[in-house]
Amino acid sequence: MASVARITTISSRSDVSFEDAVKQGITRASETLRGVEGAWVKDHVVNIKDGAITSWQVTMEVTFVLDDAGAAVDASSD
């Protein structure tokens, strides 16, 4: 059986670490998207104030498999 996946970009920020930002982002994406199968950390940035890191931020490409449920919809029928 073949599958089709989609990729969406998300950003997540943590006051703790890059790892925590990734975990929070994946947890939140999994609450909204079904079939999350992987993620690629595309970018990571620290935010600094007065010489100290205030937060860690990541931008991720999240891959999820599209549902097979439901037949194709005929847009011409109303």
PDB file of N, CA and C in Angstrom:
ATOM      1  N   MET A   1       0.839  -1.174   0.000  1.00  0.00           N
ATOM      2  CA  MET A   1       0.000   0.000   0.000  1.00  0.00           C
ATOM      3  C   MET A   1       0.886   1.241   0.000  1.00  0.00           C
ATOM      4  N   ALA A   2       0.579   2.165  -0.873  1.00  0.00           N
ATOM      5  CA  ALA A   2       1.330   3.413  -0.972  1.00  0.00           C
ATOM      6  C   ALA A   2       0.784   4.425   0.023  1.00  0.00           C
ATOM      7  N   SER A   3       1.617   5.374   0.374  1.00  0.00           N
ATOM      8  CA  SER A   3       1.158   6.448   1.253  1.00  0.00           C
ATOM      9  C   SER A   3       1.665   7.779   0.717  1.00  0.00           C
ATOM     10  N   VAL A   4       0.960   8.820   1.073  1.00  0.00           N
ATOM     11  CA  VAL A   4       1.334  10.168   0.677  1.00  0.00           C
ATOM     12  C   VAL A   4       1.519  10.985   1.945  1.00  0.00           C
ATOM     13  N   ALA A   5       2.613  11.722   2.002  1.00  0.00           N
ATOM     14  CA  ALA A   5       2.904  12.526   3.182  1.00  0.00           C
ATOM     15  C   ALA A   5       2.922  14.003   2.818  1.00  0.00           C
ATOM     16  N   ARG A   6       2.747  14.797   3.820  1.00  0.00           N
ATOM     17  CA  ARG A   6       2.817  16.252   3.663  1.00  0.00           C
ATOM     18  C   ARG A   6       3.828  16.780   4.676  1.00  0.00           C
ATOM     19  N   ILE A   7       4.440  17.906   4.355  1.00  0.00           N
ATOM     20  CA  ILE A   7       5.408  18.530   5.254  1.00  0.00           C
ATOM     21  C   ILE A   7       4.907  19.927   5.581  1.00  0.00           C
ATOM     22  N   THR A   8       4.943  20.260   6.859  1.00  0.00           N
ATOM     23  CA  THR A   8       4.556  21.596   7.287  1.00  0.00           C
ATOM     24  C   THR A   8       5.657  22.184   8.170  1.00  0.00           C
ATOM     25  N   THR A   9       5.808  23.485   8.133  1.00  0.00           N
ATOM     26  CA  THR A   9       6.843  24.157   8.916  1.00  0.00           C
ATOM     27  C   THR A   9       6.233  24.708  10.197  1.00  0.00           C
ATOM     28  N   ILE A  10       6.891  24.432  11.324  1.00  0.00           N
ATOM     29  CA  ILE A  10       6.462  24.979  12.603  1.00  0.00           C
ATOM     30  C   ILE A  10       7.661  25.607  13.314  1.00  0.00           C
ATOM     31  N   SER A  11       7.361  26.480  14.251  1.00  0.00           N
ATOM     32  CA  SER A  11       8.387  27.106  15.076  1.00  0.00           C
ATOM     33  C   SER A  11       8.007  26.886  16.525  1.00  0.00           C
ATOM     34  N   SER A  12       8.993  26.597  17.360  1.00  0.00           N
ATOM     35  CA  SER A  12       8.744  26.343  18.777  1.00  0.00           C
ATOM     36  C   SER A  12       9.834  27.007  19.601  1.00  0.00           C
ATOM     37  N   ARG A  13       9.432  27.569  20.741  1.00  0.00           N
ATOM     38  CA  ARG A  13      10.379  28.278  21.610  1.00  0.00           C
ATOM     39  C   ARG A  13      10.302  27.714  23.028  1.00  0.00           C
ATOM     40  N   SER A  14      11.447  27.637  23.683  1.00  0.00           N
ATOM     41  CA  SER A  14      11.533  27.142  25.055  1.00  0.00           C
ATOM     42  C   SER A  14      12.407  28.051  25.893  1.00  0.00           C
ATOM     43  N   ASP A  15      12.089  28.127  27.166  1.00  0.00           N
ATOM     44  CA  ASP A  15      12.934  28.865  28.116  1.00  0.00           C
ATOM     45  C   ASP A  15      14.004  27.967  28.718  1.00  0.00           C
ATOM     46  N   VAL A  16      14.022  26.678  28.293  1.00  0.00           N
ATOM     47  CA  VAL A  16      14.916  25.683  28.899  1.00  0.00           C
ATOM     48  C   VAL A  16      16.089  25.304  27.991  1.00  0.00           C
ATOM     49  N   SER A  17      15.786  24.821  26.744  1.00  0.00           N
ATOM     50  CA  SER A  17      16.845  24.314  25.864  1.00  0.00           C
ATOM     51  C   SER A  17      16.309  24.086  24.455  1.00  0.00           C
ATOM     52  N   PHE A  18      17.243  23.822  23.515  1.00  0.00           N
ATOM     53  CA  PHE A  18      16.836  23.434  22.166  1.00  0.00           C
ATOM     54  C   PHE A  18      16.051  22.125  22.210  1.00  0.00           C
ATOM     55  N   GLU A  19      16.537  21.161  22.976  1.00  0.00           N
ATOM     56  CA  GLU A  19      15.857  19.869  23.070  1.00  0.00           C
ATOM     57  C   GLU A  19      14.420  20.048  23.552  1.00  0.00           C
ATOM     58  N   ASP A  20      14.220  20.892  24.543  1.00  0.00           N
ATOM     59  CA  ASP A  20      12.876  21.140  25.046  1.00  0.00           C
ATOM     60  C   ASP A  20      12.008  21.819  23.995  1.00  0.00           C
ATOM     61  N   ALA A  21      12.580  22.732  23.219  1.00  0.00           N
ATOM     62  CA  ALA A  21      11.836  23.391  22.143  1.00  0.00           C
ATOM     63  C   ALA A  21      11.374  22.370  21.110  1.00  0.00           C
ATOM     64  N   VAL A  22      12.250  21.418  20.762  1.00  0.00           N
ATOM     65  CA  VAL A  22      11.888  20.369  19.813  1.00  0.00           C
ATOM     66  C   VAL A  22      10.770  19.505  20.397  1.00  0.00           C
ATOM     67  N   LYS A  23      10.921  19.062  21.636  1.00  0.00           N
ATOM     68  CA  LYS A  23       9.896  18.220  22.272  1.00  0.00           C
ATOM     69  C   LYS A  23       8.546  18.923  22.331  1.00  0.00           C
ATOM     70  N   GLN A  24       8.550  20.200  22.722  1.00  0.00           N
ATOM     71  CA  GLN A  24       7.297  20.952  22.793  1.00  0.00           C
ATOM     72  C   GLN A  24       6.658  21.098  21.417  1.00  0.00           C
ATOM     73  N   GLY A  25       7.464  21.367  20.418  1.00  0.00           N
ATOM     74  CA  GLY A  25       6.949  21.509  19.058  1.00  0.00           C
ATOM     75  C   GLY A  25       6.326  20.234  18.537  1.00  0.00           C
ATOM     76  N   ILE A  26       7.002  19.101  18.741  1.00  0.00           N
ATOM     77  CA  ILE A  26       6.477  17.810  18.280  1.00  0.00           C
ATOM     78  C   ILE A  26       5.217  17.437  19.047  1.00  0.00           C
ATOM     79  N   THR A  27       5.220  17.677  20.357  1.00  0.00           N
ATOM     80  CA  THR A  27       4.030  17.381  21.161  1.00  0.00           C
ATOM     81  C   THR A  27       2.836  18.181  20.667  1.00  0.00           C
ATOM     82  N   ARG A  28       3.046  19.468  20.430  1.00  0.00           N
ATOM     83  CA  ARG A  28       1.937  20.323  19.967  1.00  0.00           C
ATOM     84  C   ARG A  28       1.490  19.945  18.572  1.00  0.00           C
ATOM     85  N   ALA A  29       2.423  19.677  17.663  1.00  0.00           N
ATOM     86  CA  ALA A  29       2.062  19.278  16.303  1.00  0.00           C
ATOM     87  C   ALA A  29       1.256  17.981  16.321  1.00  0.00           C
ATOM     88  N   SER A  30       1.636  17.044  17.190  1.00  0.00           N
ATOM     89  CA  SER A  30       0.943  15.758  17.276  1.00  0.00           C
ATOM     90  C   SER A  30      -0.480  15.898  17.817  1.00  0.00           C
ATOM     91  N   GLU A  31      -0.764  16.975  18.547  1.00  0.00           N
ATOM     92  CA  GLU A  31      -2.125  17.222  19.032  1.00  0.00           C
ATOM     93  C   GLU A  31      -3.044  17.680  17.904  1.00  0.00           C
ATOM     94  N   THR A  32      -2.473  18.312  16.884  1.00  0.00           N
ATOM     95  CA  THR A  32      -3.256  18.856  15.778  1.00  0.00           C
ATOM     96  C   THR A  32      -3.200  17.987  14.533  1.00  0.00           C
ATOM     97  N   LEU A  33      -2.039  17.442  14.232  1.00  0.00           N
ATOM     98  CA  LEU A  33      -1.829  16.653  13.016  1.00  0.00           C
ATOM     99  C   LEU A  33      -1.866  15.161  13.342  1.00  0.00           C
ATOM    100  N   ARG A  34      -2.540  14.393  12.498  1.00  0.00           N
ATOM    101  CA  ARG A  34      -2.525  12.935  12.646  1.00  0.00           C
ATOM    102  C   ARG A  34      -1.405  12.364  11.776  1.00  0.00           C
ATOM    103  N   GLY A  35      -0.822  11.277  12.215  1.00  0.00           N
ATOM    104  CA  GLY A  35       0.166  10.576  11.402  1.00  0.00           C
ATOM    105  C   GLY A  35       1.534  11.230  11.346  1.00  0.00           C
ATOM    106  N   VAL A  36       1.908  11.973  12.388  1.00  0.00           N
ATOM    107  CA  VAL A  36       3.247  12.588  12.409  1.00  0.00           C
ATOM    108  C   VAL A  36       4.286  11.477  12.459  1.00  0.00           C
ATOM    109  N   GLU A  37       5.217  11.499  11.506  1.00  0.00           N
ATOM    110  CA  GLU A  37       6.211  10.429  11.401  1.00  0.00           C
ATOM    111  C   GLU A  37       7.644  10.898  11.543  1.00  0.00           C
ATOM    112  N   GLY A  38       7.875  12.189  11.450  1.00  0.00           N
ATOM    113  CA  GLY A  38       9.251  12.646  11.561  1.00  0.00           C
ATOM    114  C   GLY A  38       9.336  14.156  11.518  1.00  0.00           C
ATOM    115  N   ALA A  39      10.522  14.654  11.847  1.00  0.00           N
ATOM    116  CA  ALA A  39      10.755  16.094  11.806  1.00  0.00           C
ATOM    117  C   ALA A  39      12.229  16.358  11.532  1.00  0.00           C
ATOM    118  N   TRP A  40      12.473  17.447  10.863  1.00  0.00           N
ATOM    119  CA  TRP A  40      13.828  17.893  10.563  1.00  0.00           C
ATOM    120  C   TRP A  40      13.984  19.286  11.169  1.00  0.00           C
ATOM    121  N   VAL A  41      14.966  19.453  12.032  1.00  0.00           N
ATOM    122  CA  VAL A  41      15.235  20.770  12.610  1.00  0.00           C
ATOM    123  C   VAL A  41      15.972  21.582  11.547  1.00  0.00           C
ATOM    124  N   LYS A  42      15.259  22.527  10.981  1.00  0.00           N
ATOM    125  CA  LYS A  42      15.757  23.319   9.864  1.00  0.00           C
ATOM    126  C   LYS A  42      16.648  24.471  10.335  1.00  0.00           C
ATOM    127  N   ASP A  43      16.304  25.032  11.496  1.00  0.00           N
ATOM    128  CA  ASP A  43      17.042  26.191  11.985  1.00  0.00           C
ATOM    129  C   ASP A  43      16.914  26.241  13.500  1.00  0.00           C
ATOM    130  N   HIS A  44      17.890  26.804  14.154  1.00  0.00           N
ATOM    131  CA  HIS A  44      17.817  27.007  15.599  1.00  0.00           C
ATOM    132  C   HIS A  44      18.467  28.348  15.931  1.00  0.00           C
ATOM    133  N   VAL A  45      17.841  29.043  16.885  1.00  0.00           N
ATOM    134  CA  VAL A  45      18.236  30.405  17.230  1.00  0.00           C
ATOM    135  C   VAL A  45      18.121  30.573  18.741  1.00  0.00           C
ATOM    136  N   VAL A  46      19.034  31.318  19.323  1.00  0.00           N
ATOM    137  CA  VAL A  46      18.884  31.702  20.728  1.00  0.00           C
ATOM    138  C   VAL A  46      18.499  33.172  20.774  1.00  0.00           C
ATOM    139  N   ASN A  47      17.660  33.506  21.727  1.00  0.00           N
ATOM    140  CA  ASN A  47      17.300  34.900  21.966  1.00  0.00           C
ATOM    141  C   ASN A  47      18.090  35.364  23.180  1.00  0.00           C
ATOM    142  N   ILE A  48      18.665  36.567  23.089  1.00  0.00           N
ATOM    143  CA  ILE A  48      19.580  37.064  24.117  1.00  0.00           C
ATOM    144  C   ILE A  48      19.122  38.427  24.608  1.00  0.00           C
ATOM    145  N   LYS A  49      19.225  38.609  25.920  1.00  0.00           N
ATOM    146  CA  LYS A  49      18.955  39.912  26.519  1.00  0.00           C
ATOM    147  C   LYS A  49      20.024  40.175  27.568  1.00  0.00           C
ATOM    148  N   ASP A  50      20.648  41.320  27.481  1.00  0.00           N
ATOM    149  CA  ASP A  50      21.701  41.716  28.426  1.00  0.00           C
ATOM    150  C   ASP A  50      22.813  40.662  28.518  1.00  0.00           C
ATOM    151  N   GLY A  51      23.155  40.077  27.382  1.00  0.00           N
ATOM    152  CA  GLY A  51      24.247  39.116  27.336  1.00  0.00           C
ATOM    153  C   GLY A  51      23.904  37.711  27.802  1.00  0.00           C
ATOM    154  N   ALA A  52      22.648  37.459  28.159  1.00  0.00           N
ATOM    155  CA  ALA A  52      22.239  36.128  28.628  1.00  0.00           C
ATOM    156  C   ALA A  52      21.178  35.545  27.703  1.00  0.00           C
ATOM    157  N   ILE A  53      21.232  34.242  27.503  1.00  0.00           N
ATOM    158  CA  ILE A  53      20.226  33.562  26.685  1.00  0.00           C
ATOM    159  C   ILE A  53      18.901  33.564  27.442  1.00  0.00           C
ATOM    160  N   THR A  54      17.870  34.046  26.761  1.00  0.00           N
ATOM    161  CA  THR A  54      16.544  34.092  27.378  1.00  0.00           C
ATOM    162  C   THR A  54      15.628  32.994  26.868  1.00  0.00           C
ATOM    163  N   SER A  55      15.892  32.509  25.636  1.00  0.00           N
ATOM    164  CA  SER A  55      15.092  31.397  25.103  1.00  0.00           C
ATOM    165  C   SER A  55      15.799  30.758  23.922  1.00  0.00           C
ATOM    166  N   TRP A  56      15.391  29.533  23.650  1.00  0.00           N
ATOM    167  CA  TRP A  56      15.912  28.738  22.550  1.00  0.00           C
ATOM    168  C   TRP A  56      14.749  28.496  21.598  1.00  0.00           C
ATOM    169  N   GLN A  57      14.979  28.706  20.300  1.00  0.00           N
ATOM    170  CA  GLN A  57      13.905  28.570  19.319  1.00  0.00           C
ATOM    171  C   GLN A  57      14.358  27.680  18.173  1.00  0.00           C
ATOM    172  N   VAL A  58      13.451  26.809  17.709  1.00  0.00           N
ATOM    173  CA  VAL A  58      13.735  25.949  16.563  1.00  0.00           C
ATOM    174  C   VAL A  58      12.646  26.124  15.511  1.00  0.00           C
ATOM    175  N   THR A  59      13.043  25.975  14.269  1.00  0.00           N
ATOM    176  CA  THR A  59      12.110  25.884  13.149  1.00  0.00           C
ATOM    177  C   THR A  59      12.248  24.474  12.615  1.00  0.00           C
ATOM    178  N   MET A  60      11.116  23.776  12.499  1.00  0.00           N
ATOM    179  CA  MET A  60      11.132  22.371  12.083  1.00  0.00           C
ATOM    180  C   MET A  60      10.221  22.132  10.894  1.00  0.00           C
ATOM    181  N   GLU A  61      10.613  21.179  10.064  1.00  0.00           N
ATOM    182  CA  GLU A  61       9.777  20.648   8.991  1.00  0.00           C
ATOM    183  C   GLU A  61       9.200  19.351   9.524  1.00  0.00           C
ATOM    184  N   VAL A  62       7.894  19.309   9.757  1.00  0.00           N
ATOM    185  CA  VAL A  62       7.235  18.135  10.328  1.00  0.00           C
ATOM    186  C   VAL A  62       6.547  17.362   9.213  1.00  0.00           C
ATOM    187  N   THR A  63       6.820  16.050   9.140  1.00  0.00           N
ATOM    188  CA  THR A  63       6.239  15.180   8.120  1.00  0.00           C
ATOM    189  C   THR A  63       5.108  14.368   8.726  1.00  0.00           C
ATOM    190  N   PHE A  64       3.957  14.383   8.045  1.00  0.00           N
ATOM    191  CA  PHE A  64       2.835  13.562   8.492  1.00  0.00           C
ATOM    192  C   PHE A  64       2.174  12.911   7.287  1.00  0.00           C
ATOM    193  N   VAL A  65       1.673  11.680   7.496  1.00  0.00           N
ATOM    194  CA  VAL A  65       1.046  10.905   6.428  1.00  0.00           C
ATOM    195  C   VAL A  65      -0.422  11.308   6.331  1.00  0.00           C
ATOM    196  N   LEU A  66      -0.878  11.554   5.112  1.00  0.00           N
ATOM    197  CA  LEU A  66      -2.266  11.933   4.884  1.00  0.00           C
ATOM    198  C   LEU A  66      -3.182  10.728   5.048  1.00  0.00           C
ATOM    199  N   ASP A  67      -4.375  10.985   5.599  1.00  0.00           N
ATOM    200  CA  ASP A  67      -5.378   9.927   5.791  1.00  0.00           C
ATOM    201  C   ASP A  67      -5.845   9.390   4.450  1.00  0.00           C
ATOM    202  N   ASP A  68      -6.159   8.086   4.413  1.00  0.00           N
ATOM    203  CA  ASP A  68      -6.769   7.481   3.241  1.00  0.00           C
ATOM    204  C   ASP A  68      -8.283   7.463   3.367  1.00  0.00           C
ATOM    205  N   ALA A  69      -8.792   7.834   4.516  1.00  0.00           N
ATOM    206  CA  ALA A  69     -10.241   7.775   4.771  1.00  0.00           C
ATOM    207  C   ALA A  69     -10.997   8.701   3.840  1.00  0.00           C
ATOM    208  N   GLY A  70     -12.120   8.222   3.361  1.00  0.00           N
ATOM    209  CA  GLY A  70     -12.991   9.047   2.533  1.00  0.00           C
ATOM    210  C   GLY A  70     -12.649   8.952   1.064  1.00  0.00           C
ATOM    211  N   ALA A  71     -13.661   9.023   0.252  1.00  0.00           N
ATOM    212  CA  ALA A  71     -13.480   8.971  -1.202  1.00  0.00           C
ATOM    213  C   ALA A  71     -13.247  10.371  -1.725  1.00  0.00           C
ATOM    214  N   ALA A  72     -12.787  10.451  -2.951  1.00  0.00           N
ATOM    215  CA  ALA A  72     -12.581  11.749  -3.584  1.00  0.00           C
ATOM    216  C   ALA A  72     -13.904  12.488  -3.663  1.00  0.00           C
ATOM    217  N   VAL A  73     -13.869  13.781  -3.487  1.00  0.00           N
ATOM    218  CA  VAL A  73     -15.068  14.597  -3.510  1.00  0.00           C
ATOM    219  C   VAL A  73     -15.231  15.193  -4.892  1.00  0.00           C
ATOM    220  N   ASP A  74     -16.442  15.097  -5.450  1.00  0.00           N
ATOM    221  CA  ASP A  74     -16.739  15.675  -6.750  1.00  0.00           C
ATOM    222  C   ASP A  74     -17.173  17.120  -6.534  1.00  0.00           C
ATOM    223  N   ALA A  75     -16.331  18.063  -6.884  1.00  0.00           N
ATOM    224  CA  ALA A  75     -16.596  19.488  -6.641  1.00  0.00           C
ATOM    225  C   ALA A  75     -17.727  20.008  -7.508  1.00  0.00           C
ATOM    226  N   SER A  76     -18.092  19.289  -8.567  1.00  0.00           N
ATOM    227  CA  SER A  76     -19.144  19.783  -9.468  1.00  0.00           C
ATOM    228  C   SER A  76     -20.539  19.496  -8.928  1.00  0.00           C
ATOM    229  N   SER A  77     -20.689  18.609  -7.970  1.00  0.00           N
ATOM    230  CA  SER A  77     -22.009  18.294  -7.429  1.00  0.00           C
ATOM    231  C   SER A  77     -22.301  19.118  -6.187  1.00  0.00           C
ATOM    232  N   ASP A  78     -23.418  19.821  -6.218  1.00  0.00           N
ATOM    233  CA  ASP A  78     -23.809  20.658  -5.065  1.00  0.00           C
ATOM    234  C   ASP A  78     -25.113  20.211  -4.493  1.00  0.00           C
TER     235      ASP A  78
END
